[in-house]
N, C-alpha and C. Protein backbone atom coordinates (compact mmCIF):
# COMPACT_ATOMS: atom_id res chain seq x y z
N MET A 1 0.86 -1.18 0.00
CA MET A 1 0.00 0.00 0.00
C MET A 1 0.90 1.23 0.00
N SER A 2 0.56 2.19 -0.84
CA SER A 2 1.39 3.39 -0.95
C SER A 2 1.26 4.24 0.32
N GLY A 3 2.25 5.11 0.54
CA GLY A 3 2.25 5.99 1.70
C GLY A 3 1.07 6.95 1.69
N THR A 4 0.67 7.39 0.49
CA THR A 4 -0.46 8.31 0.38
C THR A 4 -1.75 7.62 0.79
N ARG A 5 -1.94 6.39 0.31
CA ARG A 5 -3.16 5.64 0.67
C ARG A 5 -3.22 5.39 2.17
N ARG A 6 -2.08 5.03 2.74
CA ARG A 6 -2.03 4.76 4.17
C ARG A 6 -2.41 6.04 4.95
N ALA A 7 -1.87 7.15 4.51
CA ALA A 7 -2.17 8.42 5.18
C ALA A 7 -3.65 8.76 5.05
N LEU A 8 -4.22 8.53 3.86
CA LEU A 8 -5.65 8.82 3.66
C LEU A 8 -6.52 7.91 4.51
N ARG A 9 -6.11 6.66 4.69
CA ARG A 9 -6.90 5.75 5.53
C ARG A 9 -6.80 6.15 7.00
N ARG A 10 -5.67 6.71 7.40
CA ARG A 10 -5.50 7.10 8.80
C ARG A 10 -6.14 8.46 9.10
N PHE A 11 -6.47 9.23 8.08
CA PHE A 11 -7.04 10.57 8.29
C PHE A 11 -8.32 10.54 9.12
N PRO A 12 -9.33 9.68 8.78
CA PRO A 12 -10.54 9.62 9.62
C PRO A 12 -10.24 9.20 11.06
N GLU A 13 -9.28 8.30 11.21
CA GLU A 13 -8.89 7.87 12.57
C GLU A 13 -8.34 9.06 13.36
N GLY A 14 -7.53 9.86 12.72
CA GLY A 14 -6.98 11.05 13.37
C GLY A 14 -8.07 12.04 13.76
N ARG A 15 -9.03 12.22 12.90
CA ARG A 15 -10.16 13.12 13.22
C ARG A 15 -10.92 12.62 14.44
N ARG A 16 -11.16 11.32 14.52
CA ARG A 16 -11.86 10.76 15.68
C ARG A 16 -11.08 11.02 16.96
N LEU A 17 -9.76 11.03 16.88
CA LEU A 17 -8.92 11.27 18.05
C LEU A 17 -8.75 12.76 18.34
N GLY A 18 -9.33 13.61 17.49
CA GLY A 18 -9.25 15.04 17.72
C GLY A 18 -8.15 15.74 16.95
N PHE A 19 -7.49 15.02 16.06
CA PHE A 19 -6.42 15.62 15.26
C PHE A 19 -7.01 16.11 13.96
N ASP A 20 -6.92 17.41 13.74
CA ASP A 20 -7.50 18.00 12.53
C ASP A 20 -6.53 19.06 12.02
N ALA A 21 -5.60 18.65 11.22
CA ALA A 21 -4.54 19.54 10.79
C ALA A 21 -4.64 19.86 9.31
N ASP A 22 -4.74 21.11 9.01
CA ASP A 22 -4.63 21.59 7.64
C ASP A 22 -3.18 22.01 7.48
N PRO A 23 -2.42 21.34 6.63
CA PRO A 23 -1.00 21.67 6.52
C PRO A 23 -0.74 23.08 5.98
N HIS A 24 -1.77 23.72 5.45
CA HIS A 24 -1.62 25.06 4.91
C HIS A 24 -2.14 26.13 5.85
N GLU A 25 -2.65 25.72 7.01
CA GLU A 25 -3.23 26.68 7.95
C GLU A 25 -2.15 27.65 8.44
N THR A 26 -2.48 28.93 8.38
CA THR A 26 -1.54 29.94 8.83
C THR A 26 -1.70 30.20 10.32
N VAL A 27 -0.71 30.85 10.88
CA VAL A 27 -0.78 31.24 12.28
C VAL A 27 -1.98 32.15 12.49
N ALA A 28 -2.26 33.04 11.53
CA ALA A 28 -3.40 33.95 11.65
C ALA A 28 -4.71 33.18 11.75
N VAL A 29 -4.89 32.20 10.90
CA VAL A 29 -6.13 31.41 10.92
C VAL A 29 -6.24 30.64 12.23
N TYR A 30 -5.13 30.02 12.64
CA TYR A 30 -5.17 29.25 13.88
C TYR A 30 -5.47 30.15 15.08
N LEU A 31 -4.75 31.27 15.20
CA LEU A 31 -4.96 32.16 16.35
C LEU A 31 -6.38 32.72 16.37
N THR A 32 -6.94 33.00 15.21
CA THR A 32 -8.31 33.50 15.15
C THR A 32 -9.29 32.45 15.66
N LYS A 33 -9.09 31.19 15.25
CA LYS A 33 -9.96 30.10 15.73
C LYS A 33 -9.76 29.88 17.23
N TRP A 34 -8.51 29.91 17.67
CA TRP A 34 -8.22 29.70 19.09
C TRP A 34 -8.88 30.79 19.93
N LEU A 35 -8.76 32.03 19.47
CA LEU A 35 -9.35 33.15 20.19
C LEU A 35 -10.86 32.99 20.29
N LYS A 36 -11.50 32.60 19.21
CA LYS A 36 -12.94 32.38 19.21
C LYS A 36 -13.33 31.31 20.23
N GLY A 37 -12.52 30.27 20.32
CA GLY A 37 -12.78 29.21 21.28
C GLY A 37 -12.58 29.64 22.72
N MET A 38 -11.81 30.67 22.95
CA MET A 38 -11.54 31.14 24.31
C MET A 38 -12.56 32.16 24.80
N GLU A 39 -13.39 32.66 23.89
CA GLU A 39 -14.29 33.78 24.22
C GLU A 39 -15.15 33.52 25.45
N PHE A 40 -15.69 32.33 25.58
CA PHE A 40 -16.59 32.07 26.69
C PHE A 40 -15.91 31.33 27.84
N LEU A 41 -14.61 31.08 27.70
CA LEU A 41 -13.87 30.43 28.77
C LEU A 41 -13.16 31.43 29.68
N LEU A 42 -12.92 32.61 29.15
CA LEU A 42 -12.15 33.62 29.88
C LEU A 42 -13.05 34.71 30.43
N LYS A 43 -12.57 35.39 31.45
CA LYS A 43 -13.27 36.58 31.92
C LYS A 43 -13.26 37.59 30.77
N PRO A 44 -14.28 38.43 30.66
CA PRO A 44 -14.34 39.39 29.55
C PRO A 44 -13.10 40.28 29.46
N THR A 45 -12.56 40.70 30.59
CA THR A 45 -11.37 41.57 30.54
C THR A 45 -10.15 40.80 30.04
N THR A 46 -10.02 39.55 30.44
CA THR A 46 -8.90 38.72 29.97
C THR A 46 -9.05 38.45 28.48
N TYR A 47 -10.28 38.14 28.07
CA TYR A 47 -10.52 37.90 26.65
C TYR A 47 -10.18 39.14 25.82
N ALA A 48 -10.57 40.30 26.30
CA ALA A 48 -10.29 41.55 25.57
C ALA A 48 -8.79 41.77 25.43
N ARG A 49 -8.06 41.46 26.49
CA ARG A 49 -6.60 41.63 26.44
C ARG A 49 -5.99 40.62 25.45
N TYR A 50 -6.43 39.36 25.51
CA TYR A 50 -5.94 38.35 24.57
C TYR A 50 -6.26 38.76 23.14
N ARG A 51 -7.46 39.26 22.94
CA ARG A 51 -7.89 39.68 21.60
C ARG A 51 -6.97 40.77 21.05
N THR A 52 -6.64 41.73 21.90
CA THR A 52 -5.73 42.80 21.48
C THR A 52 -4.36 42.24 21.12
N TYR A 53 -3.83 41.36 21.97
CA TYR A 53 -2.52 40.77 21.68
C TYR A 53 -2.54 39.99 20.37
N VAL A 54 -3.59 39.19 20.18
CA VAL A 54 -3.67 38.36 18.98
C VAL A 54 -3.83 39.22 17.72
N LEU A 55 -4.79 40.13 17.74
CA LEU A 55 -5.10 40.89 16.52
C LEU A 55 -4.10 42.00 16.23
N CYS A 56 -3.58 42.65 17.26
CA CYS A 56 -2.72 43.82 17.04
C CYS A 56 -1.23 43.52 17.12
N GLU A 57 -0.87 42.40 17.75
CA GLU A 57 0.54 42.10 17.94
C GLU A 57 0.98 40.83 17.21
N LEU A 58 0.32 39.74 17.48
CA LEU A 58 0.80 38.44 17.01
C LEU A 58 0.49 38.17 15.55
N ILE A 59 -0.75 38.42 15.13
CA ILE A 59 -1.10 38.16 13.73
C ILE A 59 -0.31 39.05 12.77
N PRO A 60 -0.15 40.36 13.04
CA PRO A 60 0.65 41.15 12.11
C PRO A 60 2.10 40.66 11.97
N VAL A 61 2.65 40.06 13.00
CA VAL A 61 4.05 39.60 12.94
C VAL A 61 4.16 38.18 12.40
N PHE A 62 3.37 37.27 12.92
CA PHE A 62 3.51 35.84 12.58
C PHE A 62 2.42 35.31 11.67
N GLY A 63 1.39 36.08 11.40
CA GLY A 63 0.18 35.60 10.75
C GLY A 63 0.35 34.89 9.43
N GLU A 64 1.28 35.29 8.61
CA GLU A 64 1.42 34.69 7.28
C GLU A 64 2.18 33.37 7.29
N LEU A 65 2.87 33.08 8.38
CA LEU A 65 3.59 31.80 8.48
C LEU A 65 2.59 30.66 8.59
N ARG A 66 2.94 29.52 8.00
CA ARG A 66 2.15 28.33 8.27
C ARG A 66 2.38 27.96 9.73
N LEU A 67 1.37 27.44 10.38
CA LEU A 67 1.46 27.14 11.81
C LEU A 67 2.66 26.23 12.10
N GLU A 68 2.87 25.21 11.26
CA GLU A 68 3.98 24.29 11.48
C GLU A 68 5.34 24.94 11.27
N GLU A 69 5.39 26.07 10.54
CA GLU A 69 6.65 26.76 10.29
C GLU A 69 7.08 27.64 11.46
N LEU A 70 6.14 28.04 12.29
CA LEU A 70 6.47 28.93 13.40
C LEU A 70 7.48 28.23 14.31
N ALA A 71 8.62 28.86 14.49
CA ALA A 71 9.70 28.25 15.26
C ALA A 71 10.12 29.17 16.40
N HIS A 72 10.82 28.58 17.33
CA HIS A 72 11.32 29.33 18.48
C HIS A 72 12.18 30.51 18.02
N ASP A 73 12.92 30.33 16.92
CA ASP A 73 13.77 31.41 16.40
C ASP A 73 12.94 32.62 15.99
N HIS A 74 11.76 32.39 15.38
CA HIS A 74 10.88 33.51 15.01
C HIS A 74 10.46 34.28 16.25
N ILE A 75 10.09 33.53 17.28
CA ILE A 75 9.58 34.14 18.51
C ILE A 75 10.70 34.88 19.24
N ALA A 76 11.89 34.30 19.27
CA ALA A 76 13.03 34.95 19.90
C ALA A 76 13.40 36.23 19.16
N ALA A 77 13.38 36.20 17.83
CA ALA A 77 13.69 37.40 17.04
C ALA A 77 12.67 38.50 17.31
N TYR A 78 11.39 38.14 17.38
CA TYR A 78 10.34 39.10 17.70
C TYR A 78 10.60 39.72 19.07
N THR A 79 10.95 38.89 20.04
CA THR A 79 11.21 39.38 21.40
C THR A 79 12.34 40.38 21.39
N HIS A 80 13.45 40.05 20.77
CA HIS A 80 14.60 40.96 20.72
C HIS A 80 14.25 42.25 20.00
N GLN A 81 13.52 42.14 18.89
CA GLN A 81 13.16 43.34 18.13
C GLN A 81 12.29 44.25 18.97
N GLN A 82 11.33 43.70 19.68
CA GLN A 82 10.42 44.51 20.51
C GLN A 82 11.18 45.18 21.65
N LEU A 83 12.04 44.45 22.32
CA LEU A 83 12.79 45.01 23.45
C LEU A 83 13.78 46.06 22.97
N GLU A 84 14.45 45.82 21.86
CA GLU A 84 15.40 46.79 21.32
C GLU A 84 14.70 48.06 20.85
N ALA A 85 13.44 47.94 20.45
CA ALA A 85 12.66 49.11 20.02
C ALA A 85 12.12 49.90 21.21
N GLY A 86 12.39 49.41 22.44
CA GLY A 86 11.97 50.14 23.62
C GLY A 86 10.63 49.71 24.19
N ARG A 87 10.10 48.62 23.70
CA ARG A 87 8.83 48.12 24.21
C ARG A 87 9.02 47.62 25.64
N GLY A 88 8.04 47.80 26.47
CA GLY A 88 8.13 47.38 27.86
C GLY A 88 8.22 45.88 28.00
N ARG A 89 9.02 45.44 28.95
CA ARG A 89 9.21 44.00 29.18
C ARG A 89 7.90 43.32 29.55
N GLN A 90 7.07 43.98 30.36
CA GLN A 90 5.79 43.40 30.75
C GLN A 90 4.91 43.17 29.52
N ALA A 91 4.83 44.17 28.65
CA ALA A 91 3.98 44.07 27.45
C ALA A 91 4.45 42.93 26.54
N VAL A 92 5.76 42.84 26.33
CA VAL A 92 6.29 41.78 25.48
C VAL A 92 6.01 40.41 26.11
N HIS A 93 6.22 40.33 27.41
CA HIS A 93 5.98 39.05 28.09
C HIS A 93 4.52 38.62 27.98
N HIS A 94 3.60 39.57 28.12
CA HIS A 94 2.17 39.23 28.01
C HIS A 94 1.84 38.72 26.60
N CYS A 95 2.40 39.34 25.58
CA CYS A 95 2.17 38.85 24.21
C CYS A 95 2.71 37.43 24.04
N LEU A 96 3.92 37.19 24.56
CA LEU A 96 4.52 35.87 24.45
C LEU A 96 3.72 34.82 25.23
N ALA A 97 3.24 35.20 26.39
CA ALA A 97 2.45 34.26 27.20
C ALA A 97 1.14 33.91 26.48
N THR A 98 0.55 34.88 25.81
CA THR A 98 -0.67 34.61 25.05
C THR A 98 -0.38 33.64 23.90
N LEU A 99 0.71 33.89 23.18
CA LEU A 99 1.10 33.00 22.09
C LEU A 99 1.39 31.60 22.63
N SER A 100 2.09 31.52 23.74
CA SER A 100 2.40 30.23 24.34
C SER A 100 1.13 29.48 24.74
N SER A 101 0.16 30.19 25.27
CA SER A 101 -1.11 29.57 25.63
C SER A 101 -1.80 29.00 24.39
N ALA A 102 -1.82 29.77 23.32
CA ALA A 102 -2.46 29.32 22.08
C ALA A 102 -1.75 28.10 21.52
N LEU A 103 -0.43 28.14 21.51
CA LEU A 103 0.32 27.00 20.97
C LEU A 103 0.23 25.78 21.90
N GLY A 104 0.11 26.02 23.20
CA GLY A 104 -0.10 24.93 24.14
C GLY A 104 -1.41 24.21 23.86
N THR A 105 -2.44 24.97 23.52
CA THR A 105 -3.72 24.37 23.14
C THR A 105 -3.55 23.53 21.88
N ALA A 106 -2.77 24.02 20.92
CA ALA A 106 -2.53 23.26 19.69
C ALA A 106 -1.82 21.94 20.00
N VAL A 107 -0.91 21.95 20.94
CA VAL A 107 -0.21 20.71 21.32
C VAL A 107 -1.18 19.75 22.01
N ARG A 108 -1.97 20.27 22.95
CA ARG A 108 -2.94 19.41 23.66
C ARG A 108 -3.97 18.80 22.71
N ASN A 109 -4.30 19.53 21.64
CA ASN A 109 -5.27 19.05 20.65
C ASN A 109 -4.60 18.25 19.53
N HIS A 110 -3.34 17.91 19.71
CA HIS A 110 -2.58 17.12 18.73
C HIS A 110 -2.46 17.83 17.39
N ARG A 111 -2.53 19.16 17.43
CA ARG A 111 -2.40 19.94 16.20
C ARG A 111 -0.93 20.22 15.89
N LEU A 112 -0.12 20.34 16.95
CA LEU A 112 1.32 20.56 16.81
C LEU A 112 2.05 19.56 17.70
N PRO A 113 3.26 19.17 17.30
CA PRO A 113 4.01 18.23 18.14
C PRO A 113 4.65 18.88 19.36
N PHE A 114 4.89 20.21 19.30
CA PHE A 114 5.52 20.91 20.42
C PHE A 114 5.13 22.38 20.38
N ASN A 115 5.33 23.05 21.50
CA ASN A 115 5.01 24.48 21.63
C ASN A 115 6.27 25.28 21.34
N ALA A 116 6.30 25.95 20.20
CA ALA A 116 7.48 26.73 19.79
C ALA A 116 7.76 27.91 20.71
N ALA A 117 6.79 28.31 21.51
CA ALA A 117 6.99 29.44 22.42
C ALA A 117 7.53 29.00 23.78
N GLN A 118 7.78 27.70 23.94
CA GLN A 118 8.32 27.20 25.21
C GLN A 118 9.73 26.68 25.01
N PRO A 119 10.65 27.04 25.84
CA PRO A 119 10.51 28.03 26.90
C PRO A 119 10.43 29.43 26.30
N LEU A 120 9.80 30.34 27.02
CA LEU A 120 9.71 31.71 26.54
C LEU A 120 11.12 32.27 26.38
N PRO A 121 11.35 33.10 25.35
CA PRO A 121 12.70 33.62 25.12
C PRO A 121 13.10 34.74 26.09
N MET A 122 12.33 34.96 27.12
CA MET A 122 12.70 35.94 28.15
C MET A 122 12.09 35.51 29.47
N ARG A 123 12.73 35.88 30.56
CA ARG A 123 12.17 35.59 31.87
C ARG A 123 11.01 36.52 32.15
N ARG A 124 10.14 36.07 33.01
CA ARG A 124 9.02 36.91 33.43
C ARG A 124 9.59 38.11 34.18
N PRO A 125 9.22 39.32 33.73
CA PRO A 125 9.76 40.50 34.41
C PRO A 125 9.16 40.66 35.80
N ARG A 126 9.94 41.21 36.68
CA ARG A 126 9.42 41.49 38.02
C ARG A 126 8.38 42.60 37.91
N PRO A 127 7.32 42.47 38.69
CA PRO A 127 6.33 43.56 38.66
C PRO A 127 6.95 44.83 39.24
N ASP A 128 6.46 45.96 38.76
CA ASP A 128 6.94 47.23 39.27
C ASP A 128 6.66 47.31 40.77
N GLU A 129 7.61 47.85 41.49
CA GLU A 129 7.42 47.99 42.92
C GLU A 129 6.34 49.04 43.17
N ARG A 130 5.41 48.71 44.01
CA ARG A 130 4.33 49.64 44.34
C ARG A 130 4.66 50.32 45.65
N VAL A 131 4.64 51.62 45.61
CA VAL A 131 4.94 52.40 46.81
C VAL A 131 3.64 53.04 47.28
N PRO A 132 3.19 52.68 48.47
CA PRO A 132 1.93 53.26 48.95
C PRO A 132 2.09 54.76 49.23
N TRP A 133 0.96 55.45 49.12
CA TRP A 133 0.99 56.87 49.43
C TRP A 133 1.23 57.08 50.92
N SER A 134 1.81 58.22 51.21
CA SER A 134 1.89 58.64 52.60
C SER A 134 0.51 59.18 53.00
N ALA A 135 0.30 59.34 54.29
CA ALA A 135 -0.98 59.89 54.76
C ALA A 135 -1.20 61.27 54.15
N GLU A 136 -0.15 62.06 54.07
CA GLU A 136 -0.26 63.42 53.50
C GLU A 136 -0.68 63.36 52.02
N GLN A 137 -0.11 62.46 51.25
CA GLN A 137 -0.47 62.33 49.84
C GLN A 137 -1.93 61.89 49.70
N ALA A 138 -2.38 60.96 50.55
CA ALA A 138 -3.76 60.50 50.50
C ALA A 138 -4.72 61.64 50.82
N VAL A 139 -4.40 62.45 51.84
CA VAL A 139 -5.26 63.58 52.21
C VAL A 139 -5.31 64.59 51.06
N THR A 140 -4.20 64.86 50.44
CA THR A 140 -4.16 65.80 49.30
C THR A 140 -5.04 65.29 48.17
N PHE A 141 -4.93 64.00 47.87
CA PHE A 141 -5.75 63.41 46.81
C PHE A 141 -7.24 63.49 47.14
N LEU A 142 -7.60 63.10 48.35
CA LEU A 142 -9.01 63.12 48.75
C LEU A 142 -9.57 64.54 48.78
N THR A 143 -8.78 65.51 49.19
CA THR A 143 -9.22 66.91 49.18
C THR A 143 -9.51 67.35 47.75
N HIS A 144 -8.64 67.00 46.85
CA HIS A 144 -8.84 67.34 45.44
C HIS A 144 -10.11 66.66 44.91
N CYS A 145 -10.30 65.39 45.25
CA CYS A 145 -11.49 64.66 44.80
C CYS A 145 -12.77 65.31 45.33
N ARG A 146 -12.76 65.75 46.57
CA ARG A 146 -13.95 66.39 47.16
C ARG A 146 -14.32 67.65 46.36
N ASP A 147 -13.31 68.36 45.87
CA ASP A 147 -13.57 69.57 45.08
C ASP A 147 -14.11 69.22 43.70
N VAL A 148 -13.62 68.15 43.12
CA VAL A 148 -13.97 67.80 41.74
C VAL A 148 -15.24 66.95 41.67
N ASP A 149 -15.32 65.88 42.45
CA ASP A 149 -16.47 64.97 42.39
C ASP A 149 -16.64 64.28 43.74
N PRO A 150 -17.51 64.81 44.58
CA PRO A 150 -17.67 64.26 45.93
C PRO A 150 -18.05 62.78 45.96
N ALA A 151 -18.83 62.31 45.01
CA ALA A 151 -19.23 60.90 45.01
C ALA A 151 -18.00 60.00 44.84
N PHE A 152 -17.12 60.37 43.93
CA PHE A 152 -15.90 59.59 43.76
C PHE A 152 -14.99 59.73 44.98
N ALA A 153 -15.00 60.88 45.60
CA ALA A 153 -14.20 61.06 46.80
C ALA A 153 -14.62 60.07 47.87
N ASP A 154 -15.93 59.82 48.00
CA ASP A 154 -16.40 58.83 48.98
C ASP A 154 -15.86 57.44 48.63
N LEU A 155 -15.94 57.10 47.37
CA LEU A 155 -15.43 55.79 46.94
C LEU A 155 -13.94 55.67 47.23
N PHE A 156 -13.18 56.69 46.86
CA PHE A 156 -11.73 56.65 47.09
C PHE A 156 -11.39 56.62 48.57
N GLU A 157 -12.20 57.29 49.38
CA GLU A 157 -11.95 57.26 50.82
C GLU A 157 -12.15 55.84 51.36
N ILE A 158 -13.15 55.15 50.86
CA ILE A 158 -13.36 53.75 51.28
C ILE A 158 -12.17 52.89 50.87
N ILE A 159 -11.74 53.06 49.65
CA ILE A 159 -10.61 52.26 49.15
C ILE A 159 -9.35 52.54 49.96
N ILE A 160 -9.04 53.80 50.15
CA ILE A 160 -7.82 54.16 50.88
C ILE A 160 -7.92 53.78 52.35
N GLY A 161 -9.08 54.00 52.93
CA GLY A 161 -9.24 53.73 54.36
C GLY A 161 -9.31 52.28 54.74
N THR A 162 -9.76 51.43 53.81
CA THR A 162 -9.94 50.02 54.14
C THR A 162 -8.93 49.11 53.47
N GLY A 163 -8.32 49.58 52.40
CA GLY A 163 -7.40 48.72 51.65
C GLY A 163 -8.11 47.81 50.67
N LEU A 164 -9.41 48.05 50.47
CA LEU A 164 -10.15 47.24 49.52
C LEU A 164 -9.62 47.45 48.11
N ARG A 165 -9.77 46.42 47.30
CA ARG A 165 -9.46 46.58 45.88
C ARG A 165 -10.63 47.28 45.22
N LYS A 166 -10.36 47.82 44.04
CA LYS A 166 -11.37 48.59 43.32
C LYS A 166 -12.67 47.79 43.13
N GLY A 167 -12.56 46.57 42.66
CA GLY A 167 -13.75 45.75 42.41
C GLY A 167 -14.54 45.46 43.68
N GLU A 168 -13.82 45.25 44.78
CA GLU A 168 -14.50 45.01 46.04
C GLU A 168 -15.27 46.25 46.47
N ALA A 169 -14.65 47.41 46.35
CA ALA A 169 -15.32 48.65 46.75
C ALA A 169 -16.51 48.95 45.85
N LEU A 170 -16.39 48.66 44.57
CA LEU A 170 -17.49 48.93 43.64
C LEU A 170 -18.67 47.99 43.85
N SER A 171 -18.44 46.86 44.51
CA SER A 171 -19.54 45.93 44.73
C SER A 171 -20.41 46.32 45.91
N PHE A 172 -19.94 47.27 46.72
CA PHE A 172 -20.78 47.73 47.82
C PHE A 172 -22.02 48.42 47.29
N GLN A 173 -23.11 48.23 48.00
CA GLN A 173 -24.32 48.97 47.68
C GLN A 173 -24.41 50.14 48.65
N ARG A 174 -24.92 51.23 48.18
CA ARG A 174 -24.94 52.47 48.96
C ARG A 174 -25.55 52.27 50.36
N GLN A 175 -26.64 51.52 50.45
CA GLN A 175 -27.29 51.34 51.75
C GLN A 175 -26.42 50.54 52.73
N CYS A 176 -25.37 49.85 52.23
CA CYS A 176 -24.51 49.08 53.11
C CYS A 176 -23.33 49.90 53.63
N VAL A 177 -23.19 51.11 53.17
CA VAL A 177 -22.04 51.94 53.55
C VAL A 177 -22.56 53.20 54.26
N ARG A 178 -22.04 53.42 55.45
CA ARG A 178 -22.39 54.64 56.20
C ARG A 178 -21.14 55.50 56.31
N ILE A 179 -20.96 56.38 55.33
CA ILE A 179 -19.77 57.22 55.26
C ILE A 179 -19.62 58.05 56.54
N ASP A 180 -20.69 58.67 56.97
CA ASP A 180 -20.59 59.57 58.13
C ASP A 180 -20.11 58.83 59.39
N ASP A 181 -20.55 57.58 59.52
CA ASP A 181 -20.13 56.77 60.68
C ASP A 181 -18.85 56.00 60.42
N ARG A 182 -18.37 56.07 59.18
CA ARG A 182 -17.18 55.36 58.74
C ARG A 182 -17.32 53.85 58.96
N VAL A 183 -18.48 53.31 58.54
CA VAL A 183 -18.77 51.90 58.70
C VAL A 183 -19.18 51.32 57.35
N THR A 184 -18.64 50.14 57.04
CA THR A 184 -19.04 49.44 55.80
C THR A 184 -19.75 48.16 56.17
């Protein structure tokens, strides 16, 4: 039996196992399908960020390559080019992590034999050190807020006074907060 016939006979078997590879599929086509599949799995804010990375960063750079052609060298060159152009390390790392996630899905789905983005061509950057405001800086900010928008000043006072995160403070209902008594 010829190699072509054997491959054609194994094709339906591969589909049943979840392997569905178009040898001409580009990175752009794959990333677009992957992104669509992630839409309802991710939080809306995470999905929006992934969408931006895929459509504005990854597809313009790697989109025309066939998925199987994408190599670690392409990704490393992109990383160096971005960093040398002055792009922030955090931003580059987030783009690479998104690409790695997409390629990891391709590996798990038997679409690719390995993840070309692993290991990432750069270490995860340390987060910027956060320096809390002094009491004087907080008072200055709250005074300014009271002049500009008293409702927001109340919200910021809750956040600063309790250490709540923004989402936690926004989930409070007005009747549950007694500003005058300083009770939440």
